[in-house]
Amino acid sequence: MASSLGGMARVCASCGKAEPEGVWFPKCARCVEFKLPSTLYCSPVCQANHWPQHKVFHKKQKKWAKDVAEGGC
């Protein structure tokens, strides 16, 4: 049985592997730092493989935060 958070299975964002019971996959450090929904990875290889896609997410979040700070939406 995979670990869950709020009833949802926790899976690697790259390969989709379910987090085994009693094991916690590492979270993206930037997601944690900026208190974003954390992206999980089962291994450093999966994190490196997924980074080009995940980087787009962080760029959008950075732009949104800048817009909000400048009084935009």
PDB file of N, CA and C in Angstrom:
ATOM      1  N   MET A   1       0.850  -1.188   0.000  1.00  0.00           N
ATOM      2  CA  MET A   1       0.000   0.000   0.000  1.00  0.00           C
ATOM      3  C   MET A   1       0.886   1.238   0.000  1.00  0.00           C
ATOM      4  N   ALA A   2       0.640   2.167  -0.875  1.00  0.00           N
ATOM      5  CA  ALA A   2       1.445   3.382  -0.971  1.00  0.00           C
ATOM      6  C   ALA A   2       1.085   4.343   0.149  1.00  0.00           C
ATOM      7  N   SER A   3       2.080   5.145   0.562  1.00  0.00           N
ATOM      8  CA  SER A   3       1.811   6.192   1.536  1.00  0.00           C
ATOM      9  C   SER A   3       0.823   7.163   0.919  1.00  0.00           C
ATOM     10  N   SER A   4       0.075   7.843   1.755  1.00  0.00           N
ATOM     11  CA  SER A   4      -0.892   8.783   1.202  1.00  0.00           C
ATOM     12  C   SER A   4      -0.920  10.062   2.006  1.00  0.00           C
ATOM     13  N   LEU A   5      -1.425  11.063   1.364  1.00  0.00           N
ATOM     14  CA  LEU A   5      -1.599  12.362   1.982  1.00  0.00           C
ATOM     15  C   LEU A   5      -3.000  12.805   1.607  1.00  0.00           C
ATOM     16  N   GLY A   6      -3.886  12.831   2.568  1.00  0.00           N
ATOM     17  CA  GLY A   6      -5.265  13.203   2.275  1.00  0.00           C
ATOM     18  C   GLY A   6      -5.956  12.197   1.378  1.00  0.00           C
ATOM     19  N   GLY A   7      -5.555  10.925   1.472  1.00  0.00           N
ATOM     20  CA  GLY A   7      -6.182   9.898   0.671  1.00  0.00           C
ATOM     21  C   GLY A   7      -5.612   9.742  -0.729  1.00  0.00           C
ATOM     22  N   MET A   8      -4.682  10.606  -1.114  1.00  0.00           N
ATOM     23  CA  MET A   8      -4.088  10.517  -2.438  1.00  0.00           C
ATOM     24  C   MET A   8      -2.741   9.810  -2.343  1.00  0.00           C
ATOM     25  N   ALA A   9      -2.489   8.891  -3.274  1.00  0.00           N
ATOM     26  CA  ALA A   9      -1.203   8.200  -3.309  1.00  0.00           C
ATOM     27  C   ALA A   9      -0.107   9.202  -3.659  1.00  0.00           C
ATOM     28  N   ARG A  10       1.027   9.036  -3.033  1.00  0.00           N
ATOM     29  CA  ARG A  10       2.183   9.892  -3.323  1.00  0.00           C
ATOM     30  C   ARG A  10       3.050   9.145  -4.325  1.00  0.00           C
ATOM     31  N   VAL A  11       3.303   9.775  -5.483  1.00  0.00           N
ATOM     32  CA  VAL A  11       4.049   9.123  -6.554  1.00  0.00           C
ATOM     33  C   VAL A  11       5.159  10.020  -7.064  1.00  0.00           C
ATOM     34  N   CYS A  12       6.164   9.391  -7.666  1.00  0.00           N
ATOM     35  CA  CYS A  12       7.271  10.112  -8.285  1.00  0.00           C
ATOM     36  C   CYS A  12       6.731  10.899  -9.476  1.00  0.00           C
ATOM     37  N   ALA A  13       7.080  12.165  -9.571  1.00  0.00           N
ATOM     38  CA  ALA A  13       6.601  13.012 -10.657  1.00  0.00           C
ATOM     39  C   ALA A  13       7.197  12.620 -12.002  1.00  0.00           C
ATOM     40  N   SER A  14       8.308  11.913 -11.986  1.00  0.00           N
ATOM     41  CA  SER A  14       8.967  11.531 -13.230  1.00  0.00           C
ATOM     42  C   SER A  14       8.499  10.181 -13.756  1.00  0.00           C
ATOM     43  N   CYS A  15       8.578   9.153 -12.941  1.00  0.00           N
ATOM     44  CA  CYS A  15       8.288   7.794 -13.422  1.00  0.00           C
ATOM     45  C   CYS A  15       6.943   7.256 -12.964  1.00  0.00           C
ATOM     46  N   GLY A  16       6.303   7.914 -11.995  1.00  0.00           N
ATOM     47  CA  GLY A  16       5.006   7.478 -11.520  1.00  0.00           C
ATOM     48  C   GLY A  16       5.041   6.371 -10.487  1.00  0.00           C
ATOM     49  N   LYS A  17       6.238   5.996 -10.033  1.00  0.00           N
ATOM     50  CA  LYS A  17       6.362   4.945  -9.026  1.00  0.00           C
ATOM     51  C   LYS A  17       5.684   5.398  -7.731  1.00  0.00           C
ATOM     52  N   ALA A  18       4.868   4.503  -7.159  1.00  0.00           N
ATOM     53  CA  ALA A  18       4.180   4.810  -5.900  1.00  0.00           C
ATOM     54  C   ALA A  18       5.169   4.737  -4.742  1.00  0.00           C
ATOM     55  N   GLU A  19       4.994   5.622  -3.806  1.00  0.00           N
ATOM     56  CA  GLU A  19       5.835   5.653  -2.608  1.00  0.00           C
ATOM     57  C   GLU A  19       5.488   4.449  -1.733  1.00  0.00           C
ATOM     58  N   PRO A  20       6.456   3.574  -1.463  1.00  0.00           N
ATOM     59  CA  PRO A  20       6.165   2.400  -0.631  1.00  0.00           C
ATOM     60  C   PRO A  20       5.785   2.796   0.802  1.00  0.00           C
ATOM     61  N   GLU A  21       5.019   1.938   1.447  1.00  0.00           N
ATOM     62  CA  GLU A  21       4.622   2.174   2.832  1.00  0.00           C
ATOM     63  C   GLU A  21       5.871   2.362   3.694  1.00  0.00           C
ATOM     64  N   GLY A  22       5.886   3.388   4.509  1.00  0.00           N
ATOM     65  CA  GLY A  22       6.995   3.650   5.422  1.00  0.00           C
ATOM     66  C   GLY A  22       8.179   4.358   4.798  1.00  0.00           C
ATOM     67  N   VAL A  23       8.096   4.699   3.524  1.00  0.00           N
ATOM     68  CA  VAL A  23       9.180   5.406   2.821  1.00  0.00           C
ATOM     69  C   VAL A  23       8.639   6.758   2.376  1.00  0.00           C
ATOM     70  N   TRP A  24       9.436   7.792   2.549  1.00  0.00           N
ATOM     71  CA  TRP A  24       9.036   9.131   2.105  1.00  0.00           C
ATOM     72  C   TRP A  24       9.964   9.574   1.000  1.00  0.00           C
ATOM     73  N   PHE A  25       9.407   9.784  -0.210  1.00  0.00           N
ATOM     74  CA  PHE A  25      10.207  10.272  -1.321  1.00  0.00           C
ATOM     75  C   PHE A  25      10.652  11.701  -1.031  1.00  0.00           C
ATOM     76  N   PRO A  26      11.875  12.066  -1.431  1.00  0.00           N
ATOM     77  CA  PRO A  26      12.334  13.447  -1.263  1.00  0.00           C
ATOM     78  C   PRO A  26      11.479  14.410  -2.099  1.00  0.00           C
ATOM     79  N   LYS A  27      11.346  15.625  -1.593  1.00  0.00           N
ATOM     80  CA  LYS A  27      10.574  16.668  -2.264  1.00  0.00           C
ATOM     81  C   LYS A  27      11.515  17.620  -2.994  1.00  0.00           C
ATOM     82  N   CYS A  28      10.988  18.280  -3.999  1.00  0.00           N
ATOM     83  CA  CYS A  28      11.746  19.325  -4.690  1.00  0.00           C
ATOM     84  C   CYS A  28      12.052  20.423  -3.672  1.00  0.00           C
ATOM     85  N   ALA A  29      13.324  20.756  -3.525  1.00  0.00           N
ATOM     86  CA  ALA A  29      13.744  21.745  -2.522  1.00  0.00           C
ATOM     87  C   ALA A  29      13.150  23.126  -2.797  1.00  0.00           C
ATOM     88  N   ARG A  30      13.033  23.505  -4.058  1.00  0.00           N
ATOM     89  CA  ARG A  30      12.448  24.816  -4.373  1.00  0.00           C
ATOM     90  C   ARG A  30      10.972  24.872  -4.007  1.00  0.00           C
ATOM     91  N   CYS A  31      10.266  23.781  -4.261  1.00  0.00           N
ATOM     92  CA  CYS A  31       8.856  23.733  -3.877  1.00  0.00           C
ATOM     93  C   CYS A  31       8.711  23.927  -2.372  1.00  0.00           C
ATOM     94  N   VAL A  32       9.560  23.248  -1.622  1.00  0.00           N
ATOM     95  CA  VAL A  32       9.515  23.356  -0.161  1.00  0.00           C
ATOM     96  C   VAL A  32       9.862  24.781   0.265  1.00  0.00           C
ATOM     97  N   GLU A  33      10.928  25.332  -0.309  1.00  0.00           N
ATOM     98  CA  GLU A  33      11.387  26.682   0.055  1.00  0.00           C
ATOM     99  C   GLU A  33      10.295  27.729  -0.145  1.00  0.00           C
ATOM    100  N   PHE A  34       9.573  27.629  -1.250  1.00  0.00           N
ATOM    101  CA  PHE A  34       8.555  28.629  -1.567  1.00  0.00           C
ATOM    102  C   PHE A  34       7.149  28.200  -1.157  1.00  0.00           C
ATOM    103  N   LYS A  35       7.073  27.106  -0.349  1.00  0.00           N
ATOM    104  CA  LYS A  35       5.796  26.609   0.177  1.00  0.00           C
ATOM    105  C   LYS A  35       4.787  26.327  -0.938  1.00  0.00           C
ATOM    106  N   LEU A  36       5.283  25.704  -2.012  1.00  0.00           N
ATOM    107  CA  LEU A  36       4.440  25.306  -3.128  1.00  0.00           C
ATOM    108  C   LEU A  36       4.040  23.844  -2.945  1.00  0.00           C
ATOM    109  N   PRO A  37       3.029  23.397  -3.671  1.00  0.00           N
ATOM    110  CA  PRO A  37       2.725  21.966  -3.618  1.00  0.00           C
ATOM    111  C   PRO A  37       3.988  21.192  -3.998  1.00  0.00           C
ATOM    112  N   SER A  38       4.423  20.328  -3.129  1.00  0.00           N
ATOM    113  CA  SER A  38       5.709  19.669  -3.324  1.00  0.00           C
ATOM    114  C   SER A  38       5.650  18.586  -4.380  1.00  0.00           C
ATOM    115  N   THR A  39       6.657  18.591  -5.225  1.00  0.00           N
ATOM    116  CA  THR A  39       6.838  17.567  -6.237  1.00  0.00           C
ATOM    117  C   THR A  39       7.784  16.529  -5.665  1.00  0.00           C
ATOM    118  N   LEU A  40       7.407  15.259  -5.781  1.00  0.00           N
ATOM    119  CA  LEU A  40       8.178  14.169  -5.184  1.00  0.00           C
ATOM    120  C   LEU A  40       8.956  13.412  -6.247  1.00  0.00           C
ATOM    121  N   TYR A  41      10.116  12.875  -5.851  1.00  0.00           N
ATOM    122  CA  TYR A  41      10.946  12.067  -6.741  1.00  0.00           C
ATOM    123  C   TYR A  41      11.458  10.851  -5.998  1.00  0.00           C
ATOM    124  N   CYS A  42      11.469   9.696  -6.686  1.00  0.00           N
ATOM    125  CA  CYS A  42      11.942   8.464  -6.065  1.00  0.00           C
ATOM    126  C   CYS A  42      13.462   8.367  -6.084  1.00  0.00           C
ATOM    127  N   SER A  43      14.122   9.161  -6.942  1.00  0.00           N
ATOM    128  CA  SER A  43      15.578   9.094  -7.036  1.00  0.00           C
ATOM    129  C   SER A  43      16.125  10.382  -7.645  1.00  0.00           C
ATOM    130  N   PRO A  44      17.414  10.644  -7.431  1.00  0.00           N
ATOM    131  CA  PRO A  44      18.035  11.803  -8.077  1.00  0.00           C
ATOM    132  C   PRO A  44      17.980  11.717  -9.609  1.00  0.00           C
ATOM    133  N   VAL A  45      18.017  10.510 -10.159  1.00  0.00           N
ATOM    134  CA  VAL A  45      17.933  10.340 -11.617  1.00  0.00           C
ATOM    135  C   VAL A  45      16.569  10.819 -12.116  1.00  0.00           C
ATOM    136  N   CYS A  46      15.504  10.416 -11.430  1.00  0.00           N
ATOM    137  CA  CYS A  46      14.168  10.869 -11.828  1.00  0.00           C
ATOM    138  C   CYS A  46      14.030  12.382 -11.692  1.00  0.00           C
ATOM    139  N   GLN A  47      14.600  12.954 -10.644  1.00  0.00           N
ATOM    140  CA  GLN A  47      14.530  14.406 -10.474  1.00  0.00           C
ATOM    141  C   GLN A  47      15.243  15.110 -11.619  1.00  0.00           C
ATOM    142  N   ALA A  48      16.419  14.637 -11.996  1.00  0.00           N
ATOM    143  CA  ALA A  48      17.172  15.243 -13.099  1.00  0.00           C
ATOM    144  C   ALA A  48      16.424  15.084 -14.421  1.00  0.00           C
ATOM    145  N   ASN A  49      15.813  13.929 -14.645  1.00  0.00           N
ATOM    146  CA  ASN A  49      15.071  13.703 -15.883  1.00  0.00           C
ATOM    147  C   ASN A  49      13.835  14.594 -15.987  1.00  0.00           C
ATOM    148  N   HIS A  50      13.205  14.894 -14.855  1.00  0.00           N
ATOM    149  CA  HIS A  50      11.966  15.680 -14.840  1.00  0.00           C
ATOM    150  C   HIS A  50      12.221  17.190 -14.775  1.00  0.00           C
ATOM    151  N   TRP A  51      13.424  17.596 -14.441  1.00  0.00           N
ATOM    152  CA  TRP A  51      13.712  19.012 -14.223  1.00  0.00           C
ATOM    153  C   TRP A  51      13.334  19.911 -15.396  1.00  0.00           C
ATOM    154  N   PRO A  52      13.598  19.559 -16.665  1.00  0.00           N
ATOM    155  CA  PRO A  52      13.205  20.470 -17.751  1.00  0.00           C
ATOM    156  C   PRO A  52      11.714  20.826 -17.728  1.00  0.00           C
ATOM    157  N   GLN A  53      10.856  19.867 -17.383  1.00  0.00           N
ATOM    158  CA  GLN A  53       9.416  20.147 -17.295  1.00  0.00           C
ATOM    159  C   GLN A  53       9.085  20.909 -16.018  1.00  0.00           C
ATOM    160  N   HIS A  54       9.689  20.511 -14.917  1.00  0.00           N
ATOM    161  CA  HIS A  54       9.378  21.136 -13.628  1.00  0.00           C
ATOM    162  C   HIS A  54       9.907  22.571 -13.561  1.00  0.00           C
ATOM    163  N   LYS A  55      10.987  22.835 -14.271  1.00  0.00           N
ATOM    164  CA  LYS A  55      11.559  24.178 -14.307  1.00  0.00           C
ATOM    165  C   LYS A  55      10.535  25.179 -14.857  1.00  0.00           C
ATOM    166  N   VAL A  56       9.746  24.759 -15.827  1.00  0.00           N
ATOM    167  CA  VAL A  56       8.701  25.623 -16.398  1.00  0.00           C
ATOM    168  C   VAL A  56       7.716  26.040 -15.305  1.00  0.00           C
ATOM    169  N   PHE A  57       7.329  25.091 -14.443  1.00  0.00           N
ATOM    170  CA  PHE A  57       6.445  25.380 -13.317  1.00  0.00           C
ATOM    171  C   PHE A  57       7.046  26.464 -12.431  1.00  0.00           C
ATOM    172  N   HIS A  58       8.327  26.328 -12.093  1.00  0.00           N
ATOM    173  CA  HIS A  58       8.963  27.305 -11.216  1.00  0.00           C
ATOM    174  C   HIS A  58       9.084  28.675 -11.879  1.00  0.00           C
ATOM    175  N   LYS A  59       9.331  28.706 -13.171  1.00  0.00           N
ATOM    176  CA  LYS A  59       9.392  29.996 -13.866  1.00  0.00           C
ATOM    177  C   LYS A  59       8.044  30.701 -13.829  1.00  0.00           C
ATOM    178  N   LYS A  60       6.954  29.932 -14.022  1.00  0.00           N
ATOM    179  CA  LYS A  60       5.615  30.518 -13.959  1.00  0.00           C
ATOM    180  C   LYS A  60       5.309  31.021 -12.552  1.00  0.00           C
ATOM    181  N   GLN A  61       5.690  30.264 -11.531  1.00  0.00           N
ATOM    182  CA  GLN A  61       5.464  30.679 -10.151  1.00  0.00           C
ATOM    183  C   GLN A  61       6.242  31.953  -9.831  1.00  0.00           C
ATOM    184  N   LYS A  62       7.475  32.035 -10.317  1.00  0.00           N
ATOM    185  CA  LYS A  62       8.309  33.218 -10.071  1.00  0.00           C
ATOM    186  C   LYS A  62       7.680  34.451 -10.724  1.00  0.00           C
ATOM    187  N   LYS A  63       7.195  34.310 -11.965  1.00  0.00           N
ATOM    188  CA  LYS A  63       6.551  35.425 -12.652  1.00  0.00           C
ATOM    189  C   LYS A  63       5.281  35.845 -11.921  1.00  0.00           C
ATOM    190  N   TRP A  64       4.479  34.861 -11.487  1.00  0.00           N
ATOM    191  CA  TRP A  64       3.246  35.169 -10.769  1.00  0.00           C
ATOM    192  C   TRP A  64       3.557  35.934  -9.477  1.00  0.00           C
ATOM    193  N   ALA A  65       4.567  35.479  -8.728  1.00  0.00           N
ATOM    194  CA  ALA A  65       4.935  36.136  -7.468  1.00  0.00           C
ATOM    195  C   ALA A  65       5.387  37.567  -7.724  1.00  0.00           C
ATOM    196  N   LYS A  66       6.136  37.779  -8.810  1.00  0.00           N
ATOM    197  CA  LYS A  66       6.603  39.128  -9.149  1.00  0.00           C
ATOM    198  C   LYS A  66       5.407  40.017  -9.497  1.00  0.00           C
ATOM    199  N   ASP A  67       4.464  39.486 -10.280  1.00  0.00           N
ATOM    200  CA  ASP A  67       3.275  40.249 -10.660  1.00  0.00           C
ATOM    201  C   ASP A  67       2.457  40.646  -9.429  1.00  0.00           C
ATOM    202  N   VAL A  68       2.303  39.731  -8.504  1.00  0.00           N
ATOM    203  CA  VAL A  68       1.549  40.011  -7.276  1.00  0.00           C
ATOM    204  C   VAL A  68       2.264  41.078  -6.459  1.00  0.00           C
ATOM    205  N   ALA A  69       3.586  40.967  -6.347  1.00  0.00           N
ATOM    206  CA  ALA A  69       4.370  41.934  -5.573  1.00  0.00           C
ATOM    207  C   ALA A  69       4.271  43.340  -6.172  1.00  0.00           C
ATOM    208  N   GLU A  70       4.092  43.404  -7.490  1.00  0.00           N
ATOM    209  CA  GLU A  70       3.983  44.696  -8.176  1.00  0.00           C
ATOM    210  C   GLU A  70       2.543  45.201  -8.251  1.00  0.00           C
ATOM    211  N   GLY A  71       1.631  44.484  -7.589  1.00  0.00           N
ATOM    212  CA  GLY A  71       0.247  44.919  -7.531  1.00  0.00           C
ATOM    213  C   GLY A  71      -0.620  44.393  -8.645  1.00  0.00           C
ATOM    214  N   GLY A  72      -0.093  43.491  -9.454  1.00  0.00           N
ATOM    215  CA  GLY A  72      -0.894  42.883 -10.530  1.00  0.00           C
ATOM    216  C   GLY A  72      -1.610  41.656 -10.043  1.00  0.00           C
ATOM    217  N   CYS A  73      -2.223  40.968 -10.954  1.00  0.00           N
ATOM    218  CA  CYS A  73      -2.934  39.718 -10.612  1.00  0.00           C
ATOM    219  C   CYS A  73      -2.162  38.518 -11.089  1.00  0.00           C
TER     220      CYS A  73
END
